[in-house]
């Protein structure tokens, strides 16, 4: 489900905007990063916040080429 929530958040962004994603667990980290790359967006930063607790942060920039999503609603 984490990947679905991230996809929805990215879809609401305008091209070129940024999203910071906090993840817990190696599997969600791996899956979300793979999905972001598969969608053609840029991972600008991939940080390990706490290795023992498996906490991660991704900084993503929405690709200008991937603009199939609707504009954010007010």
N, C-alpha and C. Protein backbone atom coordinates (compact mmCIF):
# COMPACT_ATOMS: atom_id res chain seq x y z
N UNK A 1 0.82 -1.20 0.00
CA UNK A 1 0.00 0.00 0.00
C UNK A 1 0.86 1.26 0.00
N UNK A 2 2.03 1.19 0.57
CA UNK A 2 2.89 2.36 0.62
C UNK A 2 3.16 2.91 -0.77
N UNK A 3 3.45 2.02 -1.71
CA UNK A 3 3.74 2.45 -3.08
C UNK A 3 2.52 3.16 -3.69
N UNK A 4 1.33 2.69 -3.38
CA UNK A 4 0.11 3.32 -3.90
C UNK A 4 -0.04 4.73 -3.34
N UNK A 5 0.19 4.91 -2.04
CA UNK A 5 0.09 6.24 -1.43
C UNK A 5 1.12 7.20 -2.02
N UNK A 6 2.32 6.70 -2.24
CA UNK A 6 3.37 7.55 -2.82
C UNK A 6 2.99 7.93 -4.25
N UNK A 7 2.49 6.98 -5.01
CA UNK A 7 2.07 7.26 -6.39
C UNK A 7 0.99 8.33 -6.43
N UNK A 8 0.01 8.24 -5.54
CA UNK A 8 -1.04 9.25 -5.48
C UNK A 8 -0.48 10.63 -5.13
N UNK A 9 0.47 10.68 -4.21
CA UNK A 9 1.09 11.95 -3.82
C UNK A 9 1.87 12.55 -4.99
N UNK A 10 2.61 11.73 -5.70
CA UNK A 10 3.38 12.22 -6.85
C UNK A 10 2.44 12.69 -7.96
N UNK A 11 1.36 11.97 -8.17
CA UNK A 11 0.40 12.36 -9.21
C UNK A 11 -0.22 13.73 -8.96
N UNK A 12 -0.30 14.14 -7.71
CA UNK A 12 -0.87 15.44 -7.37
C UNK A 12 0.11 16.60 -7.56
N UNK A 13 1.37 16.30 -7.78
CA UNK A 13 2.38 17.34 -7.95
C UNK A 13 2.43 17.86 -9.38
N UNK A 14 2.88 19.10 -9.52
CA UNK A 14 3.20 19.63 -10.84
C UNK A 14 4.59 19.14 -11.21
N UNK A 15 4.86 19.05 -12.50
CA UNK A 15 6.19 18.65 -12.97
C UNK A 15 7.24 19.59 -12.39
N UNK A 16 8.33 19.01 -11.91
CA UNK A 16 9.42 19.79 -11.32
C UNK A 16 9.30 19.99 -9.82
N UNK A 17 8.14 19.67 -9.23
CA UNK A 17 7.97 19.81 -7.79
C UNK A 17 8.62 18.65 -7.06
N UNK A 18 8.85 18.83 -5.76
CA UNK A 18 9.56 17.85 -4.93
C UNK A 18 8.63 17.20 -3.92
N UNK A 19 8.98 15.98 -3.55
CA UNK A 19 8.26 15.25 -2.51
C UNK A 19 9.28 14.55 -1.62
N UNK A 20 9.16 14.76 -0.32
CA UNK A 20 10.00 14.07 0.65
C UNK A 20 9.18 12.92 1.22
N UNK A 21 9.74 11.72 1.18
CA UNK A 21 9.03 10.51 1.59
C UNK A 21 9.79 9.84 2.73
N UNK A 22 9.12 9.62 3.84
CA UNK A 22 9.70 8.89 4.97
C UNK A 22 9.18 7.46 4.92
N UNK A 23 10.09 6.50 5.02
CA UNK A 23 9.73 5.09 4.91
C UNK A 23 10.30 4.30 6.08
N UNK A 24 9.56 3.30 6.51
CA UNK A 24 10.05 2.40 7.54
C UNK A 24 10.02 0.99 6.99
N UNK A 25 11.17 0.34 6.96
CA UNK A 25 11.29 -1.02 6.47
C UNK A 25 12.05 -1.07 5.16
N UNK A 26 12.86 -2.10 5.03
CA UNK A 26 13.68 -2.22 3.81
C UNK A 26 12.83 -2.57 2.59
N UNK A 27 11.79 -3.36 2.77
CA UNK A 27 10.94 -3.72 1.63
C UNK A 27 10.18 -2.51 1.06
N UNK A 28 9.51 -1.71 1.90
CA UNK A 28 8.87 -0.51 1.35
C UNK A 28 9.89 0.43 0.69
N UNK A 29 11.06 0.57 1.28
CA UNK A 29 12.10 1.43 0.71
C UNK A 29 12.48 0.94 -0.68
N UNK A 30 12.72 -0.32 -0.80
CA UNK A 30 13.12 -0.91 -2.09
C UNK A 30 11.99 -0.79 -3.12
N UNK A 31 10.76 -1.11 -2.72
CA UNK A 31 9.63 -1.08 -3.64
C UNK A 31 9.28 0.33 -4.10
N UNK A 32 9.27 1.27 -3.18
CA UNK A 32 8.93 2.65 -3.53
C UNK A 32 10.00 3.24 -4.45
N UNK A 33 11.26 3.02 -4.14
CA UNK A 33 12.34 3.54 -4.99
C UNK A 33 12.25 2.95 -6.40
N UNK A 34 11.98 1.67 -6.51
CA UNK A 34 11.85 1.03 -7.82
C UNK A 34 10.67 1.59 -8.59
N UNK A 35 9.55 1.81 -7.91
CA UNK A 35 8.35 2.35 -8.58
C UNK A 35 8.59 3.77 -9.07
N UNK A 36 9.27 4.58 -8.26
CA UNK A 36 9.57 5.96 -8.66
C UNK A 36 10.44 5.98 -9.91
N UNK A 37 11.45 5.14 -9.91
CA UNK A 37 12.33 5.07 -11.09
C UNK A 37 11.57 4.55 -12.32
N UNK A 38 10.71 3.56 -12.13
CA UNK A 38 9.94 2.99 -13.24
C UNK A 38 8.99 4.02 -13.84
N UNK A 39 8.50 4.94 -13.02
CA UNK A 39 7.61 5.99 -13.50
C UNK A 39 8.38 7.13 -14.16
N UNK A 40 9.70 7.11 -14.06
CA UNK A 40 10.53 8.11 -14.73
C UNK A 40 10.82 9.35 -13.91
N UNK A 41 10.58 9.30 -12.61
CA UNK A 41 10.87 10.44 -11.75
C UNK A 41 12.30 10.33 -11.21
N UNK A 42 12.79 11.43 -10.66
CA UNK A 42 14.17 11.49 -10.19
C UNK A 42 14.23 11.35 -8.67
N UNK A 43 15.06 10.45 -8.18
CA UNK A 43 15.36 10.37 -6.75
C UNK A 43 16.62 11.19 -6.54
N UNK A 44 16.46 12.34 -5.91
CA UNK A 44 17.59 13.25 -5.70
C UNK A 44 18.41 12.87 -4.48
N UNK A 45 17.74 12.30 -3.49
CA UNK A 45 18.43 11.92 -2.26
C UNK A 45 17.79 10.66 -1.71
N UNK A 46 18.63 9.74 -1.30
CA UNK A 46 18.17 8.49 -0.68
C UNK A 46 18.99 8.32 0.59
N UNK A 47 18.38 8.68 1.72
CA UNK A 47 19.09 8.70 2.99
C UNK A 47 18.63 7.57 3.91
N UNK A 48 19.57 6.99 4.62
CA UNK A 48 19.26 6.06 5.70
C UNK A 48 19.26 6.87 6.99
N UNK A 49 18.11 7.00 7.61
CA UNK A 49 18.00 7.79 8.84
C UNK A 49 18.40 6.97 10.06
N UNK A 50 18.03 5.71 10.07
CA UNK A 50 18.35 4.82 11.19
C UNK A 50 18.44 3.40 10.64
N UNK A 51 19.64 2.89 10.54
CA UNK A 51 19.85 1.57 9.94
C UNK A 51 19.21 0.46 10.76
N UNK A 52 19.32 0.52 12.06
CA UNK A 52 18.76 -0.54 12.91
C UNK A 52 17.24 -0.57 12.84
N UNK A 53 16.61 0.59 12.80
CA UNK A 53 15.15 0.66 12.74
C UNK A 53 14.65 0.65 11.30
N UNK A 54 15.56 0.62 10.33
CA UNK A 54 15.23 0.59 8.91
C UNK A 54 14.32 1.76 8.54
N UNK A 55 14.80 2.97 8.84
CA UNK A 55 14.05 4.20 8.50
C UNK A 55 14.82 4.94 7.41
N UNK A 56 14.08 5.37 6.38
CA UNK A 56 14.69 5.98 5.20
C UNK A 56 13.94 7.23 4.79
N UNK A 57 14.64 8.09 4.05
CA UNK A 57 14.01 9.28 3.48
C UNK A 57 14.42 9.37 2.01
N UNK A 58 13.43 9.55 1.14
CA UNK A 58 13.69 9.79 -0.28
C UNK A 58 13.24 11.20 -0.61
N UNK A 59 14.05 11.89 -1.40
CA UNK A 59 13.65 13.18 -1.95
C UNK A 59 13.48 12.98 -3.44
N UNK A 60 12.26 13.21 -3.92
CA UNK A 60 11.90 12.91 -5.30
C UNK A 60 11.50 14.19 -6.01
N UNK A 61 11.90 14.30 -7.28
CA UNK A 61 11.44 15.40 -8.14
C UNK A 61 10.59 14.79 -9.24
N UNK A 62 9.38 15.32 -9.40
CA UNK A 62 8.50 14.80 -10.44
C UNK A 62 9.05 15.20 -11.80
N UNK A 63 9.13 14.24 -12.68
CA UNK A 63 9.67 14.44 -14.01
C UNK A 63 8.74 15.28 -14.86
N UNK A 64 9.32 16.14 -15.68
CA UNK A 64 8.52 16.94 -16.61
C UNK A 64 7.95 16.05 -17.70
N UNK A 65 8.62 14.96 -18.02
CA UNK A 65 8.16 14.06 -19.08
C UNK A 65 6.93 13.27 -18.65
N UNK A 66 6.74 13.09 -17.36
CA UNK A 66 5.62 12.31 -16.86
C UNK A 66 4.54 13.26 -16.35
N UNK A 67 3.74 13.78 -17.26
CA UNK A 67 2.71 14.76 -16.86
C UNK A 67 1.31 14.24 -17.13
N UNK A 68 1.13 12.93 -17.14
CA UNK A 68 -0.17 12.34 -17.42
C UNK A 68 -1.16 12.55 -16.28
N UNK A 69 -0.67 12.90 -15.12
CA UNK A 69 -1.54 13.07 -13.96
C UNK A 69 -2.26 14.41 -14.01
N UNK A 70 -3.34 14.49 -13.31
CA UNK A 70 -4.10 15.74 -13.27
C UNK A 70 -3.41 16.74 -12.36
N UNK A 71 -3.77 17.99 -12.54
CA UNK A 71 -3.21 19.06 -11.72
C UNK A 71 -3.75 18.94 -10.31
N UNK A 72 -3.00 19.44 -9.33
CA UNK A 72 -3.47 19.37 -7.95
C UNK A 72 -4.80 20.14 -7.78
N UNK A 73 -5.65 19.63 -6.94
CA UNK A 73 -6.91 20.32 -6.69
C UNK A 73 -6.75 21.26 -5.51
N UNK A 74 -7.57 22.28 -5.50
CA UNK A 74 -7.48 23.30 -4.44
C UNK A 74 -8.16 22.87 -3.18
